[in-house]
């Protein structure tokens, strides 16, 4: 492919690691990348002029004004480098002639991290590490649990949820599952149940559902109160699946014994930033981090070398498929 045949694609919101991958992979696919570390906004859509396709990160919401400005710049396709695309109003984009698609990447990165958080939660790892950092090496009064003695409830049985269940089988625990789209052939060793039953029976609940209008605050005040006393929650999906204020109340009352969260409501503008010298505006996040039984990490479950390469490569391929359809359409 000659230089004149290359396709120009603008990549917004690229971290240094993503930029390296784009520069490495793009030439072999016939792509001329225009890379910026700035997230897409109404003010910088001129960077997309000459690109029908752009690639964006998942960290910054894209408002309607930005979508309209992208349309005026000639953009007709957005590939978001994420599985979820709740940061873009897909229906509005479509109404102004812009198609939005997500990417797939290996579910193993998030599944591995989920299991790590489960094990840390059941062994009270946050409190142990905190004490050890202070040179307090005594055993905790609270003994840990073993996964084989527990019932684990998996909400969302897509690629990541299925990968988590596959790993859980090796621990010998009881596995309950719930999904709005029931599996055609439930996996061996997994019991599909209603959401209410899953919450009532599970010692630990792990969330792998997409964030939609229907699933917003899926674990609301009422459902959190109906969970098994002493249960744990792990969330590596989207923060707004849980009503954070109600969650804090359940933890403070001691009704839930702990949480491990890689995502949280209102994380935008906080996660991925150095906030050491800034006032923290999220009172719920501050309160959670103060609790000894709440383990927080900054939306990092997906972040492995393998998943990063998958994300970058599949975002490029999505753009090229769109170009091909339109050039031959």
C-alpha atoms as a PDB file:
ATOM      1  CA  UNK A   1       0.000   0.000   0.000  1.00  0.00           C
ATOM      2  CA  UNK A   2       1.454   3.354  -1.005  1.00  0.00           C
ATOM      3  CA  UNK A   3       1.452   6.427   1.195  1.00  0.00           C
ATOM      4  CA  UNK A   4      -1.313   7.981  -0.866  1.00  0.00           C
ATOM      5  CA  UNK A   5      -3.526   4.999  -0.076  1.00  0.00           C
ATOM      6  CA  UNK A   6      -3.115   5.206   3.665  1.00  0.00           C
ATOM      7  CA  UNK A   7      -6.148   6.015   5.785  1.00  0.00           C
ATOM      8  CA  UNK A   8      -5.904   8.924   8.210  1.00  0.00           C
ATOM      9  CA  UNK A   9      -7.395   8.145  11.623  1.00  0.00           C
ATOM     10  CA  UNK A  10      -7.310  10.541  14.577  1.00  0.00           C
ATOM     11  CA  UNK A  11      -6.630   8.949  17.955  1.00  0.00           C
ATOM     12  CA  UNK A  12      -7.800  11.015  20.913  1.00  0.00           C
ATOM     13  CA  UNK A  13      -6.914  10.591  24.584  1.00  0.00           C
ATOM     14  CA  UNK A  14      -3.868   8.398  23.994  1.00  0.00           C
ATOM     15  CA  UNK A  15      -1.607   7.673  26.917  1.00  0.00           C
ATOM     16  CA  UNK A  16       2.087   7.130  26.155  1.00  0.00           C
ATOM     17  CA  UNK A  17       1.671   3.349  26.097  1.00  0.00           C
ATOM     18  CA  UNK A  18      -1.274   3.528  23.680  1.00  0.00           C
ATOM     19  CA  UNK A  19       0.608   5.961  21.437  1.00  0.00           C
ATOM     20  CA  UNK A  20       3.523   3.527  21.175  1.00  0.00           C
ATOM     21  CA  UNK A  21       1.138   0.720  20.185  1.00  0.00           C
ATOM     22  CA  UNK A  22      -0.663   2.865  17.606  1.00  0.00           C
ATOM     23  CA  UNK A  23       2.617   3.930  16.000  1.00  0.00           C
ATOM     24  CA  UNK A  24       3.799   0.334  15.933  1.00  0.00           C
ATOM     25  CA  UNK A  25       0.621  -1.233  14.531  1.00  0.00           C
ATOM     26  CA  UNK A  26      -0.773   1.477  12.235  1.00  0.00           C
ATOM     27  CA  UNK A  27       1.720   1.328   9.322  1.00  0.00           C
ATOM     28  CA  UNK A  28       1.224  -2.408   8.838  1.00  0.00           C
ATOM     29  CA  UNK A  29      -2.532  -1.840   8.526  1.00  0.00           C
ATOM     30  CA  UNK A  30      -2.168   1.033   6.079  1.00  0.00           C
ATOM     31  CA  UNK A  31      -3.147   3.677   8.615  1.00  0.00           C
ATOM     32  CA  UNK A  32      -1.635   7.138   9.034  1.00  0.00           C
ATOM     33  CA  UNK A  33      -2.312   7.922  12.710  1.00  0.00           C
ATOM     34  CA  UNK A  34      -2.863  11.431  14.029  1.00  0.00           C
ATOM     35  CA  UNK A  35      -2.252  10.974  17.756  1.00  0.00           C
ATOM     36  CA  UNK A  36      -3.072  13.331  20.615  1.00  0.00           C
ATOM     37  CA  UNK A  37      -3.080  12.803  24.359  1.00  0.00           C
ATOM     38  CA  UNK A  38      -5.969  15.274  24.695  1.00  0.00           C
ATOM     39  CA  UNK A  39      -9.438  13.732  25.124  1.00  0.00           C
ATOM     40  CA  UNK A  40     -11.885  14.659  22.396  1.00  0.00           C
ATOM     41  CA  UNK A  41     -13.819  17.856  23.085  1.00  0.00           C
ATOM     42  CA  UNK A  42     -15.743  20.489  21.188  1.00  0.00           C
ATOM     43  CA  UNK A  43     -12.625  22.696  21.282  1.00  0.00           C
ATOM     44  CA  UNK A  44     -10.275  20.246  19.540  1.00  0.00           C
ATOM     45  CA  UNK A  45     -12.450  18.602  16.881  1.00  0.00           C
ATOM     46  CA  UNK A  46     -10.412  20.387  14.195  1.00  0.00           C
ATOM     47  CA  UNK A  47      -7.756  17.721  14.838  1.00  0.00           C
ATOM     48  CA  UNK A  48     -10.179  15.257  13.228  1.00  0.00           C
ATOM     49  CA  UNK A  49     -10.470  17.170   9.932  1.00  0.00           C
ATOM     50  CA  UNK A  50      -9.413  14.737   7.212  1.00  0.00           C
ATOM     51  CA  UNK A  51     -10.426  11.684   9.248  1.00  0.00           C
ATOM     52  CA  UNK A  52     -13.782  10.025   8.716  1.00  0.00           C
ATOM     53  CA  UNK A  53     -12.935   7.738  11.646  1.00  0.00           C
ATOM     54  CA  UNK A  54     -11.635   8.594  15.092  1.00  0.00           C
ATOM     55  CA  UNK A  55     -10.609   6.444  18.046  1.00  0.00           C
ATOM     56  CA  UNK A  56     -11.394   7.650  21.582  1.00  0.00           C
ATOM     57  CA  UNK A  57     -10.661   6.483  25.109  1.00  0.00           C
ATOM     58  CA  UNK A  58     -13.252   5.647  27.748  1.00  0.00           C
ATOM     59  CA  UNK A  59     -12.117   8.096  30.398  1.00  0.00           C
ATOM     60  CA  UNK A  60     -14.005  11.216  29.293  1.00  0.00           C
ATOM     61  CA  UNK A  61     -17.706  11.578  28.458  1.00  0.00           C
ATOM     62  CA  UNK A  62     -18.436  12.918  24.949  1.00  0.00           C
ATOM     63  CA  UNK A  63     -21.273  15.449  25.045  1.00  0.00           C
ATOM     64  CA  UNK A  64     -23.755  16.317  22.292  1.00  0.00           C
ATOM     65  CA  UNK A  65     -21.953  19.538  21.369  1.00  0.00           C
ATOM     66  CA  UNK A  66     -18.748  17.589  20.759  1.00  0.00           C
ATOM     67  CA  UNK A  67     -20.579  15.030  18.652  1.00  0.00           C
ATOM     68  CA  UNK A  68     -22.103  17.802  16.518  1.00  0.00           C
ATOM     69  CA  UNK A  69     -18.678  19.430  16.106  1.00  0.00           C
ATOM     70  CA  UNK A  70     -17.178  16.100  15.057  1.00  0.00           C
ATOM     71  CA  UNK A  71     -19.915  15.737  12.461  1.00  0.00           C
ATOM     72  CA  UNK A  72     -19.094  19.189  11.076  1.00  0.00           C
ATOM     73  CA  UNK A  73     -15.418  18.150  10.921  1.00  0.00           C
ATOM     74  CA  UNK A  74     -16.390  15.241   8.673  1.00  0.00           C
ATOM     75  CA  UNK A  75     -16.325  12.420  11.230  1.00  0.00           C
ATOM     76  CA  UNK A  76     -18.851   9.644  10.609  1.00  0.00           C
ATOM     77  CA  UNK A  77     -17.421   6.852  12.802  1.00  0.00           C
ATOM     78  CA  UNK A  78     -16.178   6.653  16.401  1.00  0.00           C
ATOM     79  CA  UNK A  79     -14.380   3.608  17.751  1.00  0.00           C
ATOM     80  CA  UNK A  80     -14.220   3.688  21.537  1.00  0.00           C
ATOM     81  CA  UNK A  81     -11.284   1.787  23.019  1.00  0.00           C
ATOM     82  CA  UNK A  82     -13.471   0.061  25.588  1.00  0.00           C
ATOM     83  CA  UNK A  83     -16.075  -2.670  25.884  1.00  0.00           C
ATOM     84  CA  UNK A  84     -18.571  -0.289  27.482  1.00  0.00           C
ATOM     85  CA  UNK A  85     -19.720   2.865  25.758  1.00  0.00           C
ATOM     86  CA  UNK A  86     -21.861   4.525  28.396  1.00  0.00           C
ATOM     87  CA  UNK A  87     -19.656   7.643  27.998  1.00  0.00           C
ATOM     88  CA  UNK A  88     -21.172   8.298  24.545  1.00  0.00           C
ATOM     89  CA  UNK A  89     -24.842   8.880  23.680  1.00  0.00           C
ATOM     90  CA  UNK A  90     -24.876   6.284  20.910  1.00  0.00           C
ATOM     91  CA  UNK A  91     -28.454   6.995  19.824  1.00  0.00           C
ATOM     92  CA  UNK A  92     -27.845  10.729  19.532  1.00  0.00           C
ATOM     93  CA  UNK A  93     -24.640  10.117  17.571  1.00  0.00           C
ATOM     94  CA  UNK A  94     -26.535   7.854  15.194  1.00  0.00           C
ATOM     95  CA  UNK A  95     -29.239  10.494  14.739  1.00  0.00           C
ATOM     96  CA  UNK A  96     -26.639  12.949  13.392  1.00  0.00           C
ATOM     97  CA  UNK A  97     -24.935  10.388  11.164  1.00  0.00           C
ATOM     98  CA  UNK A  98     -22.120   9.120  13.380  1.00  0.00           C
ATOM     99  CA  UNK A  99     -21.807   5.396  14.072  1.00  0.00           C
ATOM    100  CA  UNK A 100     -20.267   4.440  17.438  1.00  0.00           C
ATOM    101  CA  UNK A 101     -18.809   0.984  18.072  1.00  0.00           C
ATOM    102  CA  UNK A 102     -16.873  -0.552  20.926  1.00  0.00           C
ATOM    103  CA  UNK A 103     -13.929  -2.934  20.815  1.00  0.00           C
ATOM    104  CA  UNK A 104     -13.484  -6.410  22.169  1.00  0.00           C
ATOM    105  CA  UNK A 105     -10.377  -7.540  23.981  1.00  0.00           C
ATOM    106  CA  UNK A 106      -9.338 -10.580  25.900  1.00  0.00           C
ATOM    107  CA  UNK A 107     -11.614 -10.935  28.951  1.00  0.00           C
ATOM    108  CA  UNK A 108      -8.731 -12.500  30.872  1.00  0.00           C
ATOM    109  CA  UNK A 109      -7.319  -9.196  32.142  1.00  0.00           C
ATOM    110  CA  UNK A 110     -10.517  -8.251  33.988  1.00  0.00           C
ATOM    111  CA  UNK A 111     -11.300 -11.842  34.988  1.00  0.00           C
ATOM    112  CA  UNK A 112      -7.861 -12.323  36.571  1.00  0.00           C
ATOM    113  CA  UNK A 113      -8.142  -9.027  38.428  1.00  0.00           C
ATOM    114  CA  UNK A 114     -11.637  -9.902  39.644  1.00  0.00           C
ATOM    115  CA  UNK A 115     -10.354 -13.130  41.185  1.00  0.00           C
ATOM    116  CA  UNK A 116      -7.525 -11.206  42.827  1.00  0.00           C
ATOM    117  CA  UNK A 117     -10.002  -8.766  44.378  1.00  0.00           C
ATOM    118  CA  UNK A 118     -12.200 -11.649  45.550  1.00  0.00           C
ATOM    119  CA  UNK A 119      -9.280 -13.297  47.311  1.00  0.00           C
ATOM    120  CA  UNK A 120      -8.154 -10.003  48.828  1.00  0.00           C
ATOM    121  CA  UNK A 121     -11.684  -9.341  50.071  1.00  0.00           C
ATOM    122  CA  UNK A 122     -12.201 -12.749  51.678  1.00  0.00           C
ATOM    123  CA  UNK A 123      -8.771 -12.561  53.359  1.00  0.00           C
ATOM    124  CA  UNK A 124      -9.162  -8.950  54.580  1.00  0.00           C
ATOM    125  CA  UNK A 125      -6.018  -8.020  52.673  1.00  0.00           C
ATOM    126  CA  UNK A 126      -6.403  -4.233  52.954  1.00  0.00           C
ATOM    127  CA  UNK A 127      -6.377  -4.280  56.754  1.00  0.00           C
ATOM    128  CA  UNK A 128      -3.501  -6.811  56.857  1.00  0.00           C
ATOM    129  CA  UNK A 129      -1.299  -4.736  54.541  1.00  0.00           C
ATOM    130  CA  UNK A 130      -2.122  -1.512  56.398  1.00  0.00           C
ATOM    131  CA  UNK A 131      -1.113  -3.039  59.730  1.00  0.00           C
ATOM    132  CA  UNK A 132       2.040  -4.555  58.266  1.00  0.00           C
ATOM    133  CA  UNK A 133       3.043  -1.185  56.786  1.00  0.00           C
ATOM    134  CA  UNK A 134       2.904   0.147  60.364  1.00  0.00           C
ATOM    135  CA  UNK A 135       5.081  -2.788  61.548  1.00  0.00           C
ATOM    136  CA  UNK A 136       2.158  -4.390  63.368  1.00  0.00           C
ATOM    137  CA  UNK A 137       2.626  -8.077  62.605  1.00  0.00           C
ATOM    138  CA  UNK A 138      -0.054  -9.561  64.871  1.00  0.00           C
ATOM    139  CA  UNK A 139      -2.743 -11.815  63.448  1.00  0.00           C
ATOM    140  CA  UNK A 140      -6.115 -10.193  62.864  1.00  0.00           C
ATOM    141  CA  UNK A 141      -9.037 -11.060  65.103  1.00  0.00           C
ATOM    142  CA  UNK A 142     -11.047 -11.789  61.947  1.00  0.00           C
ATOM    143  CA  UNK A 143     -10.086 -15.016  60.228  1.00  0.00           C
ATOM    144  CA  UNK A 144     -10.264 -15.252  56.452  1.00  0.00           C
ATOM    145  CA  UNK A 145     -12.618 -17.449  54.456  1.00  0.00           C
ATOM    146  CA  UNK A 146     -11.926 -20.029  51.763  1.00  0.00           C
ATOM    147  CA  UNK A 147     -13.684 -19.738  48.408  1.00  0.00           C
ATOM    148  CA  UNK A 148     -14.574 -23.441  48.388  1.00  0.00           C
ATOM    149  CA  UNK A 149     -16.830 -22.834  51.402  1.00  0.00           C
ATOM    150  CA  UNK A 150     -18.641 -19.932  49.760  1.00  0.00           C
ATOM    151  CA  UNK A 151     -21.468 -19.290  47.306  1.00  0.00           C
ATOM    152  CA  UNK A 152     -20.412 -16.791  44.641  1.00  0.00           C
ATOM    153  CA  UNK A 153     -23.052 -14.870  42.690  1.00  0.00           C
ATOM    154  CA  UNK A 154     -22.031 -13.674  39.204  1.00  0.00           C
ATOM    155  CA  UNK A 155     -24.226 -10.910  37.739  1.00  0.00           C
ATOM    156  CA  UNK A 156     -23.637 -10.663  33.990  1.00  0.00           C
ATOM    157  CA  UNK A 157     -22.568 -13.765  32.058  1.00  0.00           C
ATOM    158  CA  UNK A 158     -20.987 -12.216  28.970  1.00  0.00           C
ATOM    159  CA  UNK A 159     -17.374 -12.858  27.994  1.00  0.00           C
ATOM    160  CA  UNK A 160     -15.910 -11.461  31.219  1.00  0.00           C
ATOM    161  CA  UNK A 161     -18.524 -13.006  33.512  1.00  0.00           C
ATOM    162  CA  UNK A 162     -18.032 -16.371  31.783  1.00  0.00           C
ATOM    163  CA  UNK A 163     -14.242 -16.099  32.195  1.00  0.00           C
ATOM    164  CA  UNK A 164     -14.697 -15.373  35.910  1.00  0.00           C
ATOM    165  CA  UNK A 165     -16.970 -18.408  36.340  1.00  0.00           C
ATOM    166  CA  UNK A 166     -14.440 -20.553  34.502  1.00  0.00           C
ATOM    167  CA  UNK A 167     -11.772 -19.537  37.005  1.00  0.00           C
ATOM    168  CA  UNK A 168     -14.072 -20.005  39.990  1.00  0.00           C
ATOM    169  CA  UNK A 169     -14.653 -23.666  39.117  1.00  0.00           C
ATOM    170  CA  UNK A 170     -11.063 -24.388  40.095  1.00  0.00           C
ATOM    171  CA  UNK A 171     -11.748 -23.184  43.628  1.00  0.00           C
ATOM    172  CA  UNK A 172     -14.652 -25.567  44.155  1.00  0.00           C
ATOM    173  CA  UNK A 173     -17.167 -22.947  45.264  1.00  0.00           C
ATOM    174  CA  UNK A 174     -20.894 -22.901  44.506  1.00  0.00           C
ATOM    175  CA  UNK A 175     -21.616 -20.569  41.587  1.00  0.00           C
ATOM    176  CA  UNK A 176     -24.908 -18.779  40.989  1.00  0.00           C
ATOM    177  CA  UNK A 177     -25.448 -16.657  37.885  1.00  0.00           C
ATOM    178  CA  UNK A 178     -27.918 -14.058  36.687  1.00  0.00           C
ATOM    179  CA  UNK A 179     -28.227 -12.297  33.341  1.00  0.00           C
ATOM    180  CA  UNK A 180     -31.093 -10.534  31.571  1.00  0.00           C
ATOM    181  CA  UNK A 181     -30.268 -12.753  28.602  1.00  0.00           C
ATOM    182  CA  UNK A 182     -30.203 -16.286  30.008  1.00  0.00           C
ATOM    183  CA  UNK A 183     -27.531 -18.612  28.654  1.00  0.00           C
ATOM    184  CA  UNK A 184     -28.793 -21.097  26.059  1.00  0.00           C
ATOM    185  CA  UNK A 185     -26.709 -23.831  27.628  1.00  0.00           C
ATOM    186  CA  UNK A 186     -25.830 -23.007  31.239  1.00  0.00           C
ATOM    187  CA  UNK A 187     -22.286 -24.043  32.056  1.00  0.00           C
ATOM    188  CA  UNK A 188     -21.754 -27.125  34.143  1.00  0.00           C
ATOM    189  CA  UNK A 189     -21.497 -26.279  37.812  1.00  0.00           C
ATOM    190  CA  UNK A 190     -23.334 -22.947  37.416  1.00  0.00           C
ATOM    191  CA  UNK A 191     -26.890 -22.453  38.693  1.00  0.00           C
ATOM    192  CA  UNK A 192     -28.857 -19.712  36.866  1.00  0.00           C
ATOM    193  CA  UNK A 193     -31.196 -17.920  39.296  1.00  0.00           C
ATOM    194  CA  UNK A 194     -33.235 -14.735  39.584  1.00  0.00           C
ATOM    195  CA  UNK A 195     -31.439 -11.604  40.761  1.00  0.00           C
ATOM    196  CA  UNK A 196     -33.326 -11.620  44.068  1.00  0.00           C
ATOM    197  CA  UNK A 197     -32.362 -15.228  44.745  1.00  0.00           C
ATOM    198  CA  UNK A 198     -28.735 -14.592  43.843  1.00  0.00           C
ATOM    199  CA  UNK A 199     -28.523 -11.669  46.269  1.00  0.00           C
ATOM    200  CA  UNK A 200     -30.265 -13.619  49.033  1.00  0.00           C
ATOM    201  CA  UNK A 201     -28.010 -16.691  48.761  1.00  0.00           C
ATOM    202  CA  UNK A 202     -24.569 -15.362  47.785  1.00  0.00           C
ATOM    203  CA  UNK A 203     -21.700 -14.886  50.215  1.00  0.00           C
ATOM    204  CA  UNK A 204     -19.941 -12.799  47.566  1.00  0.00           C
ATOM    205  CA  UNK A 205     -21.486 -10.985  44.589  1.00  0.00           C
ATOM    206  CA  UNK A 206     -19.375  -9.955  41.582  1.00  0.00           C
ATOM    207  CA  UNK A 207     -20.687  -7.539  38.940  1.00  0.00           C
ATOM    208  CA  UNK A 208     -20.064  -7.938  35.194  1.00  0.00           C
ATOM    209  CA  UNK A 209     -23.148  -6.312  33.663  1.00  0.00           C
ATOM    210  CA  UNK A 210     -23.014  -3.382  31.221  1.00  0.00           C
ATOM    211  CA  UNK A 211     -24.186   0.012  32.462  1.00  0.00           C
ATOM    212  CA  UNK A 212     -27.486   0.969  30.840  1.00  0.00           C
ATOM    213  CA  UNK A 213     -30.562   2.894  31.925  1.00  0.00           C
ATOM    214  CA  UNK A 214     -31.960  -0.450  33.065  1.00  0.00           C
ATOM    215  CA  UNK A 215     -28.913  -1.450  35.133  1.00  0.00           C
ATOM    216  CA  UNK A 216     -28.152   1.958  36.679  1.00  0.00           C
ATOM    217  CA  UNK A 217     -28.135   1.390  40.462  1.00  0.00           C
ATOM    218  CA  UNK A 218     -28.872  -2.290  39.900  1.00  0.00           C
ATOM    219  CA  UNK A 219     -27.746  -2.718  43.495  1.00  0.00           C
ATOM    220  CA  UNK A 220     -29.906   0.002  44.990  1.00  0.00           C
ATOM    221  CA  UNK A 221     -30.816   0.637  48.619  1.00  0.00           C
ATOM    222  CA  UNK A 222     -33.553  -2.011  48.596  1.00  0.00           C
ATOM    223  CA  UNK A 223     -31.464  -4.760  46.955  1.00  0.00           C
ATOM    224  CA  UNK A 224     -28.405  -4.059  49.097  1.00  0.00           C
ATOM    225  CA  UNK A 225     -30.592  -4.416  52.195  1.00  0.00           C
ATOM    226  CA  UNK A 226     -31.841  -7.793  50.920  1.00  0.00           C
ATOM    227  CA  UNK A 227     -28.355  -9.259  50.501  1.00  0.00           C
ATOM    228  CA  UNK A 228     -27.147 -11.988  52.795  1.00  0.00           C
ATOM    229  CA  UNK A 229     -25.843 -10.569  56.067  1.00  0.00           C
ATOM    230  CA  UNK A 230     -22.046 -10.456  56.026  1.00  0.00           C
ATOM    231  CA  UNK A 231     -21.810 -10.690  52.218  1.00  0.00           C
ATOM    232  CA  UNK A 232     -19.050  -9.162  50.111  1.00  0.00           C
ATOM    233  CA  UNK A 233     -19.289  -7.265  46.808  1.00  0.00           C
ATOM    234  CA  UNK A 234     -16.703  -7.052  44.023  1.00  0.00           C
ATOM    235  CA  UNK A 235     -17.209  -4.621  41.131  1.00  0.00           C
ATOM    236  CA  UNK A 236     -14.908  -4.464  38.101  1.00  0.00           C
ATOM    237  CA  UNK A 237     -17.653  -3.409  35.662  1.00  0.00           C
ATOM    238  CA  UNK A 238     -19.077   0.119  36.062  1.00  0.00           C
ATOM    239  CA  UNK A 239     -19.395   2.172  39.232  1.00  0.00           C
ATOM    240  CA  UNK A 240     -22.982   3.303  38.724  1.00  0.00           C
ATOM    241  CA  UNK A 241     -24.241  -0.286  38.908  1.00  0.00           C
ATOM    242  CA  UNK A 242     -24.175   0.337  42.674  1.00  0.00           C
ATOM    243  CA  UNK A 243     -25.847   3.135  44.658  1.00  0.00           C
ATOM    244  CA  UNK A 244     -22.657   4.233  46.415  1.00  0.00           C
ATOM    245  CA  UNK A 245     -24.367   6.203  49.186  1.00  0.00           C
ATOM    246  CA  UNK A 246     -26.510   3.198  50.092  1.00  0.00           C
ATOM    247  CA  UNK A 247     -23.443   0.930  49.915  1.00  0.00           C
ATOM    248  CA  UNK A 248     -21.529   3.084  52.404  1.00  0.00           C
ATOM    249  CA  UNK A 249     -24.457   2.887  54.851  1.00  0.00           C
ATOM    250  CA  UNK A 250     -24.532  -0.932  54.595  1.00  0.00           C
ATOM    251  CA  UNK A 251     -20.777  -1.131  55.236  1.00  0.00           C
ATOM    252  CA  UNK A 252     -20.864   1.294  58.140  1.00  0.00           C
ATOM    253  CA  UNK A 253     -23.704  -0.624  59.772  1.00  0.00           C
ATOM    254  CA  UNK A 254     -21.708  -3.855  59.472  1.00  0.00           C
ATOM    255  CA  UNK A 255     -24.454  -5.585  57.495  1.00  0.00           C
ATOM    256  CA  UNK A 256     -22.082  -6.074  54.548  1.00  0.00           C
ATOM    257  CA  UNK A 257     -18.664  -7.298  55.558  1.00  0.00           C
ATOM    258  CA  UNK A 258     -16.682  -5.706  52.747  1.00  0.00           C
ATOM    259  CA  UNK A 259     -16.290  -4.523  49.175  1.00  0.00           C
ATOM    260  CA  UNK A 260     -13.535  -4.499  46.566  1.00  0.00           C
ATOM    261  CA  UNK A 261     -14.214  -1.885  43.890  1.00  0.00           C
ATOM    262  CA  UNK A 262     -12.183  -1.154  40.771  1.00  0.00           C
ATOM    263  CA  UNK A 263     -14.869   1.300  39.622  1.00  0.00           C
ATOM    264  CA  UNK A 264     -16.999   3.828  41.475  1.00  0.00           C
ATOM    265  CA  UNK A 265     -19.719   6.355  40.721  1.00  0.00           C
ATOM    266  CA  UNK A 266     -18.274   9.763  39.861  1.00  0.00           C
ATOM    267  CA  UNK A 267     -14.784   8.429  39.148  1.00  0.00           C
ATOM    268  CA  UNK A 268     -14.480  10.664  36.067  1.00  0.00           C
ATOM    269  CA  UNK A 269     -11.869  13.342  36.643  1.00  0.00           C
ATOM    270  CA  UNK A 270     -10.542  11.490  39.696  1.00  0.00           C
ATOM    271  CA  UNK A 271      -9.309   8.119  38.488  1.00  0.00           C
ATOM    272  CA  UNK A 272      -6.247   8.402  36.216  1.00  0.00           C
ATOM    273  CA  UNK A 273      -5.318  11.764  37.786  1.00  0.00           C
ATOM    274  CA  UNK A 274      -2.760  12.609  40.489  1.00  0.00           C
ATOM    275  CA  UNK A 275      -4.998  13.976  43.240  1.00  0.00           C
ATOM    276  CA  UNK A 276      -2.456  14.034  46.063  1.00  0.00           C
ATOM    277  CA  UNK A 277      -2.444  17.823  46.284  1.00  0.00           C
ATOM    278  CA  UNK A 278      -6.096  18.409  45.387  1.00  0.00           C
ATOM    279  CA  UNK A 279      -9.187  18.514  47.587  1.00  0.00           C
ATOM    280  CA  UNK A 280     -11.287  15.387  47.070  1.00  0.00           C
ATOM    281  CA  UNK A 281     -14.819  16.307  46.035  1.00  0.00           C
ATOM    282  CA  UNK A 282     -16.291  12.802  46.219  1.00  0.00           C
ATOM    283  CA  UNK A 283     -17.388  12.308  49.825  1.00  0.00           C
ATOM    284  CA  UNK A 284     -18.433   8.714  49.121  1.00  0.00           C
ATOM    285  CA  UNK A 285     -14.992   7.821  47.725  1.00  0.00           C
ATOM    286  CA  UNK A 286     -13.273   9.408  50.721  1.00  0.00           C
ATOM    287  CA  UNK A 287     -15.508   7.531  53.149  1.00  0.00           C
ATOM    288  CA  UNK A 288     -14.988   4.230  51.357  1.00  0.00           C
ATOM    289  CA  UNK A 289     -11.208   4.650  51.411  1.00  0.00           C
ATOM    290  CA  UNK A 290     -11.308   5.318  55.149  1.00  0.00           C
ATOM    291  CA  UNK A 291     -13.156   2.055  55.826  1.00  0.00           C
ATOM    292  CA  UNK A 292     -10.836  -0.876  56.609  1.00  0.00           C
ATOM    293  CA  UNK A 293     -13.151  -3.291  54.750  1.00  0.00           C
ATOM    294  CA  UNK A 294     -13.392  -1.305  51.495  1.00  0.00           C
ATOM    295  CA  UNK A 295     -10.630  -1.917  48.960  1.00  0.00           C
ATOM    296  CA  UNK A 296     -10.500   0.609  46.079  1.00  0.00           C
ATOM    297  CA  UNK A 297      -8.384   0.560  42.908  1.00  0.00           C
ATOM    298  CA  UNK A 298      -8.570   3.127  40.064  1.00  0.00           C
ATOM    299  CA  UNK A 299     -10.325   1.319  37.177  1.00  0.00           C
ATOM    300  CA  UNK A 300      -7.248  -0.681  36.321  1.00  0.00           C
ATOM    301  CA  UNK A 301      -8.569  -4.242  35.908  1.00  0.00           C
ATOM    302  CA  UNK A 302      -8.373  -4.099  32.096  1.00  0.00           C
ATOM    303  CA  UNK A 303      -4.841  -2.677  32.078  1.00  0.00           C
ATOM    304  CA  UNK A 304      -2.476  -5.411  30.901  1.00  0.00           C
ATOM    305  CA  UNK A 305      -0.038  -5.466  28.004  1.00  0.00           C
ATOM    306  CA  UNK A 306      -2.117  -8.100  26.201  1.00  0.00           C
ATOM    307  CA  UNK A 307      -5.420  -6.241  26.602  1.00  0.00           C
ATOM    308  CA  UNK A 308      -3.856  -2.913  25.607  1.00  0.00           C
ATOM    309  CA  UNK A 309      -2.561  -4.354  22.357  1.00  0.00           C
ATOM    310  CA  UNK A 310      -5.946  -5.995  21.658  1.00  0.00           C
ATOM    311  CA  UNK A 311      -7.717  -2.687  22.288  1.00  0.00           C
ATOM    312  CA  UNK A 312      -5.482  -0.622  20.016  1.00  0.00           C
ATOM    313  CA  UNK A 313      -5.416  -3.187  17.217  1.00  0.00           C
ATOM    314  CA  UNK A 314      -9.168  -3.797  17.282  1.00  0.00           C
ATOM    315  CA  UNK A 315      -9.904  -0.068  17.314  1.00  0.00           C
ATOM    316  CA  UNK A 316      -7.825   0.322  14.136  1.00  0.00           C
ATOM    317  CA  UNK A 317      -9.473  -2.697  12.524  1.00  0.00           C
ATOM    318  CA  UNK A 318     -12.960  -1.373  13.361  1.00  0.00           C
ATOM    319  CA  UNK A 319     -12.142   1.920  11.645  1.00  0.00           C
ATOM    320  CA  UNK A 320     -10.775   0.146   8.565  1.00  0.00           C
ATOM    321  CA  UNK A 321     -13.860  -2.066   8.333  1.00  0.00           C
ATOM    322  CA  UNK A 322     -16.051   1.024   8.395  1.00  0.00           C
ATOM    323  CA  UNK A 323     -13.946   2.669   5.675  1.00  0.00           C
ATOM    324  CA  UNK A 324     -14.130  -0.495   3.574  1.00  0.00           C
ATOM    325  CA  UNK A 325     -17.926  -0.730   3.893  1.00  0.00           C
ATOM    326  CA  UNK A 326     -18.362   2.883   2.876  1.00  0.00           C
ATOM    327  CA  UNK A 327     -15.829   2.804   0.043  1.00  0.00           C
ATOM    328  CA  UNK A 328     -17.574  -0.207  -1.465  1.00  0.00           C
ATOM    329  CA  UNK A 329     -21.067   0.677  -0.378  1.00  0.00           C
END
